[in-house]
């Protein structure tokens, strides 16, 4: 895969802008903003999707498959680090002298001269960003935004608004979150990840310190996450607002009840503010506390802020119900790091009642699988009932000898509660065969595992104990995940 290169700036007159991998939630959002700004936009991706259909509906010329011919007439190429060095469009653009711009550089160019709220963290940033956006809309504000996932109530991941505020999910995976001219920074956590890029936990933490230091107005940061707690003393030159369950948090979460959805109370400036969310899980209470810290820091009243946050209905691929057959529910989830998986499974446990949780996990990245195999095994064996693992989604990485999903399954203490399947069809068939009414089947991962859902629903429908298949949502929201 290509190394992220931020040296090429966005041309002031970009002409026709071509996006390589335009079907991802982040890339499609940026493409929509360029269309809204009056630019001619084209793009390509490896498969069709509802996201592609939506882009075509607003006039974007999208080709399926990558080919040098696709960039004919393009003046600027926008890419991510997920494409291969030999990608035909990337190679052709460089040979033709067409500027090749990283997507974060393109987004930073779009956000210039705006009051930027940037949300970063190894986990929770898509949901936290969505909460801020949906809350601002509920308050009658009209921010511009780009999120890493589609906001369910809006049906999009990006929009141009009339407000001075621009809200973005800032990707830390390759350091690109340091490109933005940030007014307000929200740091959900500093849980070490992407060490293939940063090289060490210390370098990862240093990047977040730099990110926070660029915030011109204030920084909202977790009071609970060990990595966030470790860097907070280094933010002495910034205005800092802490949020979480810690006793000394400026925005303190208490009285949590995670049955079904989640209810809790926020203690803020000597007053208590109770709230009930529409989305489940303790992690979403903490995401809401971070969004609350941002909104109140921007001048919104505490009660108004919480009521607005409570309207948030979730983002796609975050514990998203995609269908049900015979009392067996199929949930799609983007979790691909042990911390995210723990949060997702805990939320599912609060909702499943007496049913069982059966994840179908697609590991994301060879390096992450190699480094965190034991943590993956521990969280699945502790919190799931039966775990099925399928081959690794390599994204920007080439395969590593000996690194497969079996690194995870082999570390289970109870081998009867886990299985590895080299073929998706076999995993879907096995899941359908063992599932019973009340169970949750949960495809999980940051790659393309959502594409197994039609196979799952079909397999459940052909099960003699199954009944009519109800498809709740048929969108496959692939993301060029970090």
Protein backbone atom coordinates (compact mmCIF):
# COMPACT_ATOMS: atom_id res chain seq x y z
CA UNK A 1 0.00 0.00 0.00
CA UNK A 2 1.12 3.57 -0.55
CA UNK A 3 2.69 5.54 2.27
CA UNK A 4 0.53 8.49 3.28
CA UNK A 5 2.08 11.60 1.76
CA UNK A 6 0.91 15.02 2.94
CA UNK A 7 3.49 17.03 1.00
CA UNK A 8 1.23 17.71 -2.00
CA UNK A 9 -1.07 20.60 -1.19
CA UNK A 10 -4.50 21.02 -2.70
CA UNK A 11 -4.35 23.16 -5.85
CA UNK A 12 -6.23 26.42 -5.32
CA UNK A 13 -8.02 25.66 -8.58
CA UNK A 14 -8.49 21.87 -8.35
CA UNK A 15 -10.50 21.49 -11.57
CA UNK A 16 -12.06 18.07 -11.95
CA UNK A 17 -11.33 16.07 -8.78
CA UNK A 18 -11.12 12.28 -9.05
CA UNK A 19 -11.41 10.09 -5.91
CA UNK A 20 -9.76 6.65 -5.90
CA UNK A 21 -11.88 4.50 -3.57
CA UNK A 22 -14.82 6.90 -3.56
CA UNK A 23 -17.22 4.35 -2.03
CA UNK A 24 -15.82 4.57 1.49
CA UNK A 25 -17.84 6.53 4.05
CA UNK A 26 -15.08 9.09 4.54
CA UNK A 27 -14.09 9.49 0.89
CA UNK A 28 -17.68 9.69 -0.32
CA UNK A 29 -18.35 12.40 2.26
CA UNK A 30 -15.44 14.51 1.09
CA UNK A 31 -16.53 13.98 -2.52
CA UNK A 32 -20.00 15.27 -1.63
CA UNK A 33 -18.48 18.43 -0.15
CA UNK A 34 -16.54 19.10 -3.35
CA UNK A 35 -19.74 18.69 -5.35
CA UNK A 36 -21.53 21.08 -3.00
CA UNK A 37 -18.70 23.59 -3.46
CA UNK A 38 -19.30 23.54 -7.22
CA UNK A 39 -16.42 21.31 -8.33
CA UNK A 40 -16.62 18.62 -10.99
CA UNK A 41 -16.12 15.22 -9.31
CA UNK A 42 -15.49 11.69 -10.52
CA UNK A 43 -14.30 8.54 -8.81
CA UNK A 44 -13.85 4.81 -8.82
CA UNK A 45 -14.29 1.87 -6.50
CA UNK A 46 -14.05 -1.89 -6.62
CA UNK A 47 -17.80 -2.53 -6.20
CA UNK A 48 -21.19 -0.87 -6.36
CA UNK A 49 -23.09 0.08 -3.22
CA UNK A 50 -25.89 2.33 -2.07
CA UNK A 51 -23.23 4.95 -1.35
CA UNK A 52 -22.16 4.81 -5.01
CA UNK A 53 -25.81 5.09 -6.07
CA UNK A 54 -26.16 8.21 -3.93
CA UNK A 55 -23.08 9.81 -5.45
CA UNK A 56 -24.30 9.14 -8.96
CA UNK A 57 -27.63 10.73 -8.04
CA UNK A 58 -25.86 14.05 -7.36
CA UNK A 59 -23.92 13.95 -10.62
CA UNK A 60 -20.69 12.15 -9.70
CA UNK A 61 -19.27 9.99 -12.50
CA UNK A 62 -18.30 6.74 -10.73
CA UNK A 63 -16.51 3.86 -12.43
CA UNK A 64 -16.53 0.36 -10.99
CA UNK A 65 -13.04 -1.08 -11.11
CA UNK A 66 -9.75 0.78 -11.27
CA UNK A 67 -8.31 1.73 -14.65
CA UNK A 68 -5.99 4.40 -15.98
CA UNK A 69 -8.80 5.35 -18.38
CA UNK A 70 -10.91 6.48 -15.41
CA UNK A 71 -8.74 9.54 -14.78
CA UNK A 72 -9.09 10.97 -18.28
CA UNK A 73 -9.90 14.64 -17.84
CA UNK A 74 -9.02 14.68 -14.13
CA UNK A 75 -7.00 17.64 -12.82
CA UNK A 76 -6.52 16.45 -9.22
CA UNK A 77 -6.44 12.93 -7.74
CA UNK A 78 -7.53 12.31 -4.12
CA UNK A 79 -6.33 9.09 -2.49
CA UNK A 80 -6.05 7.29 0.86
CA UNK A 81 -3.23 5.20 2.22
CA UNK A 82 -5.35 2.11 1.55
CA UNK A 83 -4.59 1.91 -2.19
CA UNK A 84 -1.77 -0.17 -3.62
CA UNK A 85 1.44 1.27 -5.06
CA UNK A 86 0.56 -0.29 -8.41
CA UNK A 87 -3.01 1.07 -8.52
CA UNK A 88 -3.46 1.91 -12.18
CA UNK A 89 -5.08 5.31 -11.54
CA UNK A 90 -2.43 6.34 -9.03
CA UNK A 91 0.37 5.29 -11.39
CA UNK A 92 -1.23 7.03 -14.38
CA UNK A 93 -1.78 10.27 -12.46
CA UNK A 94 1.83 10.43 -11.29
CA UNK A 95 3.08 9.72 -14.83
CA UNK A 96 0.87 12.51 -16.19
CA UNK A 97 1.96 15.01 -13.54
CA UNK A 98 -1.53 15.24 -12.04
CA UNK A 99 -1.37 16.35 -8.37
CA UNK A 100 -2.03 13.39 -6.06
CA UNK A 101 -3.51 14.65 -2.80
CA UNK A 102 -4.16 12.71 0.41
CA UNK A 103 -7.83 12.85 1.45
CA UNK A 104 -6.95 14.59 4.74
CA UNK A 105 -5.17 17.35 2.82
CA UNK A 106 -8.28 17.76 0.67
CA UNK A 107 -10.49 17.92 3.75
CA UNK A 108 -8.20 20.40 5.50
CA UNK A 109 -8.42 22.60 2.38
CA UNK A 110 -12.23 22.47 2.52
CA UNK A 111 -12.31 23.41 6.22
CA UNK A 112 -9.98 26.38 5.99
CA UNK A 113 -11.37 29.62 7.41
CA UNK A 114 -14.03 27.69 9.39
CA UNK A 115 -14.41 27.12 13.15
CA UNK A 116 -13.32 23.51 13.19
CA UNK A 117 -14.39 20.89 15.75
CA UNK A 118 -12.12 17.86 15.27
CA UNK A 119 -12.87 14.54 16.98
CA UNK A 120 -10.02 12.07 17.45
CA UNK A 121 -9.33 8.88 19.38
CA UNK A 122 -8.62 5.23 18.71
CA UNK A 123 -12.29 4.39 19.38
CA UNK A 124 -15.60 6.18 19.60
CA UNK A 125 -14.86 9.07 17.27
CA UNK A 126 -17.46 8.23 14.61
CA UNK A 127 -20.26 8.00 17.16
CA UNK A 128 -19.06 11.07 19.10
CA UNK A 129 -18.85 13.08 15.88
CA UNK A 130 -22.33 11.93 14.91
CA UNK A 131 -23.70 12.95 18.30
CA UNK A 132 -22.31 16.47 17.97
CA UNK A 133 -23.64 16.84 14.43
CA UNK A 134 -27.13 15.52 15.16
CA UNK A 135 -27.36 17.54 18.36
CA UNK A 136 -26.41 20.76 16.56
CA UNK A 137 -29.07 20.10 13.93
CA UNK A 138 -31.64 19.45 16.67
CA UNK A 139 -30.65 22.81 18.17
CA UNK A 140 -31.39 24.56 14.90
CA UNK A 141 -27.75 24.96 13.88
CA UNK A 142 -26.51 23.94 10.42
CA UNK A 143 -22.87 22.86 10.61
CA UNK A 144 -20.84 21.49 7.76
CA UNK A 145 -19.52 18.04 8.60
CA UNK A 146 -17.64 14.96 7.48
CA UNK A 147 -18.01 11.81 9.54
CA UNK A 148 -16.35 8.41 9.16
CA UNK A 149 -19.73 6.67 9.06
CA UNK A 150 -23.20 7.38 7.72
CA UNK A 151 -25.47 9.01 10.33
CA UNK A 152 -28.63 6.91 10.21
CA UNK A 153 -31.18 9.70 10.62
CA UNK A 154 -29.52 11.78 7.90
CA UNK A 155 -28.58 9.01 5.47
CA UNK A 156 -25.23 10.66 4.79
CA UNK A 157 -21.75 11.08 6.25
CA UNK A 158 -21.22 14.65 5.05
CA UNK A 159 -23.01 17.88 4.28
CA UNK A 160 -22.32 21.57 3.70
CA UNK A 161 -24.10 23.85 6.16
CA UNK A 162 -24.51 27.57 6.68
CA UNK A 163 -23.07 27.64 10.23
CA UNK A 164 -19.52 28.77 10.97
CA UNK A 165 -18.92 25.40 12.66
CA UNK A 166 -17.36 22.55 10.69
CA UNK A 167 -17.29 19.16 12.47
CA UNK A 168 -14.91 16.44 11.31
CA UNK A 169 -13.85 13.00 12.41
CA UNK A 170 -10.06 13.33 12.50
CA UNK A 171 -8.13 10.18 11.59
CA UNK A 172 -5.08 9.53 13.74
CA UNK A 173 -4.03 6.29 12.02
CA UNK A 174 -1.42 7.92 9.78
CA UNK A 175 -0.97 11.21 11.62
CA UNK A 176 -3.25 13.11 9.25
CA UNK A 177 -5.25 14.57 12.16
CA UNK A 178 -2.36 16.97 12.65
CA UNK A 179 -3.13 18.72 9.35
CA UNK A 180 -6.21 20.58 10.57
CA UNK A 181 -6.48 24.15 11.83
CA UNK A 182 -8.52 23.10 14.85
CA UNK A 183 -10.56 25.34 17.14
CA UNK A 184 -12.01 22.60 19.40
CA UNK A 185 -10.46 19.17 19.87
CA UNK A 186 -12.35 16.21 21.34
CA UNK A 187 -10.16 13.25 22.36
CA UNK A 188 -12.24 10.17 23.16
CA UNK A 189 -9.23 8.09 24.24
CA UNK A 190 -5.54 7.54 23.55
CA UNK A 191 -5.61 3.74 23.45
CA UNK A 192 -2.40 2.69 21.62
CA UNK A 193 -3.16 1.58 18.08
CA UNK A 194 -1.66 1.97 14.61
CA UNK A 195 1.80 1.27 16.02
CA UNK A 196 2.78 0.02 12.56
CA UNK A 197 2.76 3.73 11.64
CA UNK A 198 3.85 5.41 14.88
CA UNK A 199 6.44 2.82 15.91
CA UNK A 200 5.88 3.14 19.69
CA UNK A 201 3.26 4.02 22.27
CA UNK A 202 5.29 7.10 23.19
CA UNK A 203 5.16 8.40 19.62
CA UNK A 204 1.41 7.69 19.50
CA UNK A 205 0.88 9.74 22.67
CA UNK A 206 3.13 12.53 21.38
CA UNK A 207 0.91 12.85 18.31
CA UNK A 208 -2.17 13.37 20.47
CA UNK A 209 -0.35 15.99 22.54
CA UNK A 210 0.46 17.83 19.30
CA UNK A 211 -3.14 17.46 18.10
CA UNK A 212 -4.49 18.90 21.36
CA UNK A 213 -1.96 21.71 21.28
CA UNK A 214 -3.27 22.89 17.92
CA UNK A 215 -6.77 23.51 19.35
CA UNK A 216 -7.17 27.28 19.55
CA UNK A 217 -10.20 27.32 21.89
CA UNK A 218 -10.32 24.25 24.13
CA UNK A 219 -9.70 20.50 24.41
CA UNK A 220 -12.25 18.00 25.72
CA UNK A 221 -10.51 14.79 26.83
CA UNK A 222 -11.44 11.58 28.63
CA UNK A 223 -10.86 11.47 32.38
CA UNK A 224 -10.99 7.66 32.40
CA UNK A 225 -8.87 6.32 29.55
CA UNK A 226 -5.32 5.60 30.81
CA UNK A 227 -3.67 7.05 27.70
CA UNK A 228 -5.74 10.22 27.90
CA UNK A 229 -5.01 10.56 31.62
CA UNK A 230 -1.29 10.14 30.90
CA UNK A 231 -1.14 13.01 28.39
CA UNK A 232 -3.50 15.44 30.14
CA UNK A 233 -0.76 16.94 32.37
CA UNK A 234 1.16 17.73 29.17
CA UNK A 235 -1.67 19.99 27.96
CA UNK A 236 -0.90 22.77 30.45
CA UNK A 237 -0.89 25.41 27.72
CA UNK A 238 -4.42 24.48 26.60
CA UNK A 239 -7.88 25.04 28.08
CA UNK A 240 -8.89 21.51 29.06
CA UNK A 241 -12.31 20.05 29.91
CA UNK A 242 -12.30 16.46 31.18
CA UNK A 243 -15.24 14.06 30.88
CA UNK A 244 -15.99 10.57 32.15
CA UNK A 245 -16.76 8.64 35.33
CA UNK A 246 -13.70 9.76 37.31
CA UNK A 247 -14.53 11.69 40.48
CA UNK A 248 -12.66 14.79 39.38
CA UNK A 249 -14.06 15.01 35.86
CA UNK A 250 -15.42 18.40 34.79
CA UNK A 251 -18.27 16.54 33.08
CA UNK A 252 -18.93 13.53 35.34
CA UNK A 253 -21.08 10.54 34.38
CA UNK A 254 -22.82 8.72 37.23
CA UNK A 255 -25.90 6.60 38.02
CA UNK A 256 -25.43 4.52 34.86
CA UNK A 257 -28.07 1.98 33.87
CA UNK A 258 -27.19 0.03 30.73
CA UNK A 259 -30.29 -2.17 30.48
CA UNK A 260 -31.64 -2.10 26.90
CA UNK A 261 -30.46 1.42 25.94
CA UNK A 262 -28.60 3.52 28.53
CA UNK A 263 -29.63 6.08 31.12
CA UNK A 264 -27.30 8.14 33.30
CA UNK A 265 -26.79 11.49 34.94
CA UNK A 266 -24.19 14.12 34.15
CA UNK A 267 -22.85 16.24 36.99
CA UNK A 268 -21.75 19.61 35.61
CA UNK A 269 -20.95 22.82 37.45
CA UNK A 270 -22.74 21.72 40.61
CA UNK A 271 -25.93 20.51 38.93
CA UNK A 272 -27.19 17.05 37.91
CA UNK A 273 -28.70 16.45 34.46
CA UNK A 274 -30.34 13.03 33.82
CA UNK A 275 -30.71 11.67 30.28
CA UNK A 276 -31.77 8.53 28.41
CA UNK A 277 -30.09 7.74 25.08
CA UNK A 278 -31.53 5.92 22.08
CA UNK A 279 -28.31 3.94 21.60
CA UNK A 280 -27.10 1.21 23.99
CA UNK A 281 -23.95 0.69 26.04
CA UNK A 282 -21.79 2.33 28.68
CA UNK A 283 -19.41 3.46 25.96
CA UNK A 284 -22.17 5.57 24.44
CA UNK A 285 -22.77 7.30 27.77
CA UNK A 286 -19.10 8.30 27.68
CA UNK A 287 -19.35 9.35 24.03
CA UNK A 288 -22.33 11.49 24.98
CA UNK A 289 -20.35 13.08 27.82
CA UNK A 290 -17.63 14.08 25.35
CA UNK A 291 -20.21 15.55 22.97
CA UNK A 292 -21.77 17.40 25.91
CA UNK A 293 -18.36 18.87 26.82
CA UNK A 294 -17.98 20.17 23.26
CA UNK A 295 -21.49 21.61 23.00
CA UNK A 296 -21.44 23.36 26.37
CA UNK A 297 -17.97 24.68 25.55
CA UNK A 298 -19.50 26.20 22.42
CA UNK A 299 -22.10 27.98 24.54
CA UNK A 300 -25.06 25.59 24.51
CA UNK A 301 -26.97 25.28 27.81
CA UNK A 302 -26.44 21.98 29.68
CA UNK A 303 -30.06 20.81 29.57
CA UNK A 304 -30.44 21.84 25.93
CA UNK A 305 -27.22 20.06 25.02
CA UNK A 306 -28.25 16.76 26.63
CA UNK A 307 -31.75 16.84 25.17
CA UNK A 308 -30.24 17.39 21.73
CA UNK A 309 -27.70 14.58 22.17
CA UNK A 310 -30.55 12.25 23.18
CA UNK A 311 -32.01 12.57 19.66
CA UNK A 312 -29.01 10.71 18.20
CA UNK A 313 -30.09 7.42 16.61
CA UNK A 314 -26.68 5.98 15.74
CA UNK A 315 -24.42 5.57 12.74
CA UNK A 316 -24.34 2.72 10.27
CA UNK A 317 -22.23 -0.30 11.19
CA UNK A 318 -22.35 0.55 14.91
CA UNK A 319 -24.57 -2.14 16.49
CA UNK A 320 -26.91 -1.77 13.53
CA UNK A 321 -29.80 -4.21 13.23
CA UNK A 322 -29.76 -5.49 9.65
CA UNK A 323 -32.36 -8.23 9.72
CA UNK A 324 -34.19 -10.88 11.74
CA UNK A 325 -35.27 -14.44 10.96
CA UNK A 326 -37.22 -16.64 13.36
CA UNK A 327 -36.31 -14.53 16.37
CA UNK A 328 -32.60 -14.52 15.45
CA UNK A 329 -31.29 -10.96 15.02
CA UNK A 330 -28.37 -10.00 12.79
CA UNK A 331 -26.39 -6.95 13.95
CA UNK A 332 -23.60 -5.32 11.96
CA UNK A 333 -20.75 -3.73 13.93
CA UNK A 334 -17.56 -1.92 12.90
CA UNK A 335 -15.57 -2.87 16.03
CA UNK A 336 -12.10 -4.07 15.07
CA UNK A 337 -9.91 -3.38 18.13
CA UNK A 338 -10.24 -5.28 21.45
CA UNK A 339 -11.42 -2.16 23.29
CA UNK A 340 -14.13 -1.50 20.69
CA UNK A 341 -15.16 -5.16 20.68
CA UNK A 342 -15.48 -5.14 24.46
CA UNK A 343 -17.77 -2.11 24.29
CA UNK A 344 -19.89 -3.58 21.48
CA UNK A 345 -20.30 -6.95 23.19
CA UNK A 346 -21.15 -5.35 26.53
CA UNK A 347 -23.83 -3.29 24.79
CA UNK A 348 -25.15 -6.42 23.09
CA UNK A 349 -25.20 -8.30 26.40
CA UNK A 350 -27.45 -5.62 27.86
CA UNK A 351 -29.90 -6.06 24.98
CA UNK A 352 -29.88 -9.79 24.24
CA UNK A 353 -31.59 -10.92 27.44
CA UNK A 354 -31.44 -14.72 27.70
CA UNK A 355 -30.20 -15.10 24.13
CA UNK A 356 -26.65 -15.81 23.05
CA UNK A 357 -24.13 -13.55 21.31
CA UNK A 358 -22.39 -15.13 18.30
CA UNK A 359 -19.86 -12.81 16.63
CA UNK A 360 -18.47 -13.51 13.18
CA UNK A 361 -15.18 -11.65 13.39
CA UNK A 362 -13.05 -10.48 10.47
CA UNK A 363 -9.67 -9.36 11.86
CA UNK A 364 -8.50 -6.04 10.42
CA UNK A 365 -4.81 -5.69 9.47
CA UNK A 366 -2.11 -8.33 9.73
CA UNK A 367 -0.01 -6.26 12.13
CA UNK A 368 -2.93 -5.67 14.52
CA UNK A 369 -3.83 -9.37 14.48
CA UNK A 370 -0.24 -10.38 15.20
CA UNK A 371 0.21 -7.88 18.03
CA UNK A 372 -3.21 -8.22 19.68
CA UNK A 373 -4.21 -11.86 19.09
CA UNK A 374 -4.24 -12.65 22.81
CA UNK A 375 -6.38 -9.60 23.59
CA UNK A 376 -8.85 -10.52 20.84
CA UNK A 377 -9.13 -14.08 22.18
CA UNK A 378 -9.62 -12.87 25.76
CA UNK A 379 -12.40 -10.40 24.99
CA UNK A 380 -14.33 -12.78 22.74
CA UNK A 381 -14.02 -15.75 25.09
CA UNK A 382 -15.06 -13.60 28.06
CA UNK A 383 -18.01 -11.75 26.53
CA UNK A 384 -19.34 -13.83 23.61
CA UNK A 385 -20.95 -17.25 23.75
CA UNK A 386 -19.60 -18.69 20.51
CA UNK A 387 -17.12 -16.91 18.22
CA UNK A 388 -16.56 -17.55 14.52
CA UNK A 389 -13.45 -16.08 12.87
CA UNK A 390 -12.90 -15.58 9.13
CA UNK A 391 -9.76 -14.51 7.19
CA UNK A 392 -8.02 -11.20 7.84
CA UNK A 393 -8.94 -8.05 5.91
CA UNK A 394 -5.51 -6.69 5.06
CA UNK A 395 -6.56 -3.20 3.90
CA UNK A 396 -3.33 -1.32 3.23
CA UNK A 397 -1.08 -4.21 4.38
CA UNK A 398 0.38 -7.17 2.53
CA UNK A 399 -0.03 -10.65 4.07
CA UNK A 400 2.47 -11.75 6.71
CA UNK A 401 3.65 -15.38 6.77
CA UNK A 402 1.91 -17.31 9.51
CA UNK A 403 -0.47 -14.48 10.45
CA UNK A 404 -4.09 -15.64 10.05
CA UNK A 405 -7.26 -15.52 12.09
CA UNK A 406 -6.23 -18.84 13.62
CA UNK A 407 -3.77 -16.91 15.79
CA UNK A 408 -6.89 -15.82 17.68
CA UNK A 409 -8.85 -19.06 17.71
CA UNK A 410 -5.82 -21.06 18.90
CA UNK A 411 -5.59 -18.89 22.02
CA UNK A 412 -9.07 -19.77 23.32
CA UNK A 413 -8.96 -21.90 26.47
CA UNK A 414 -12.24 -23.58 25.50
CA UNK A 415 -11.93 -24.70 21.90
CA UNK A 416 -15.60 -25.70 21.76
CA UNK A 417 -16.62 -22.03 21.82
CA UNK A 418 -14.66 -20.90 18.78
CA UNK A 419 -14.12 -21.91 15.16
CA UNK A 420 -12.12 -20.62 12.21
CA UNK A 421 -13.55 -20.68 8.68
CA UNK A 422 -11.45 -20.04 5.61
CA UNK A 423 -14.62 -19.49 3.55
CA UNK A 424 -17.38 -17.02 4.40
CA UNK A 425 -20.10 -19.34 3.07
CA UNK A 426 -19.08 -21.99 5.58
CA UNK A 427 -19.11 -19.45 8.43
CA UNK A 428 -22.59 -18.24 7.44
CA UNK A 429 -23.93 -21.78 7.16
CA UNK A 430 -22.47 -22.75 10.55
CA UNK A 431 -23.85 -19.63 12.23
CA UNK A 432 -27.32 -20.35 10.86
CA UNK A 433 -27.11 -23.97 11.96
CA UNK A 434 -26.25 -23.20 15.59
CA UNK A 435 -28.38 -20.07 16.10
CA UNK A 436 -31.69 -20.24 17.91
CA UNK A 437 -34.49 -17.79 18.69
CA UNK A 438 -33.29 -14.93 20.87
CA UNK A 439 -29.67 -15.08 19.69
CA UNK A 440 -27.71 -12.19 18.18
CA UNK A 441 -25.47 -12.95 15.20
CA UNK A 442 -22.90 -10.14 14.96
CA UNK A 443 -20.60 -9.78 11.94
CA UNK A 444 -17.80 -7.56 13.26
CA UNK A 445 -14.76 -5.83 11.78
CA UNK A 446 -13.46 -2.76 10.02
CA UNK A 447 -13.23 -4.36 6.58
CA UNK A 448 -15.95 -5.73 4.30
CA UNK A 449 -17.47 -8.32 6.65
CA UNK A 450 -20.85 -6.60 6.27
CA UNK A 451 -21.06 -8.31 2.88
CA UNK A 452 -21.63 -11.62 4.67
CA UNK A 453 -25.01 -10.41 5.94
CA UNK A 454 -27.06 -11.40 2.85
CA UNK A 455 -25.48 -14.87 3.07
CA UNK A 456 -26.39 -15.06 6.76
CA UNK A 457 -29.99 -14.00 6.20
CA UNK A 458 -30.36 -16.44 3.31
CA UNK A 459 -28.86 -19.27 5.38
CA UNK A 460 -31.19 -18.47 8.27
CA UNK A 461 -34.16 -18.36 5.92
CA UNK A 462 -33.36 -21.81 4.54
CA UNK A 463 -33.01 -23.27 8.05
CA UNK A 464 -36.03 -25.53 8.68
CA UNK A 465 -36.67 -23.70 11.97
CA UNK A 466 -36.50 -20.27 10.31
CA UNK A 467 -39.40 -18.02 9.32
CA UNK A 468 -39.87 -15.12 6.96
CA UNK A 469 -36.77 -12.97 6.67
CA UNK A 470 -37.22 -9.32 7.67
CA UNK A 471 -34.47 -7.14 6.23
CA UNK A 472 -34.19 -4.01 8.35
CA UNK A 473 -31.46 -2.24 6.39
CA UNK A 474 -29.80 -3.28 3.19
CA UNK A 475 -26.92 -0.81 3.00
CA UNK A 476 -23.36 -2.08 3.05
CA UNK A 477 -21.38 0.81 4.49
CA UNK A 478 -17.78 -0.05 3.74
CA UNK A 479 -15.23 2.28 5.24
CA UNK A 480 -11.56 2.78 4.45
CA UNK A 481 -10.96 2.18 8.15
CA UNK A 482 -7.73 2.91 9.97
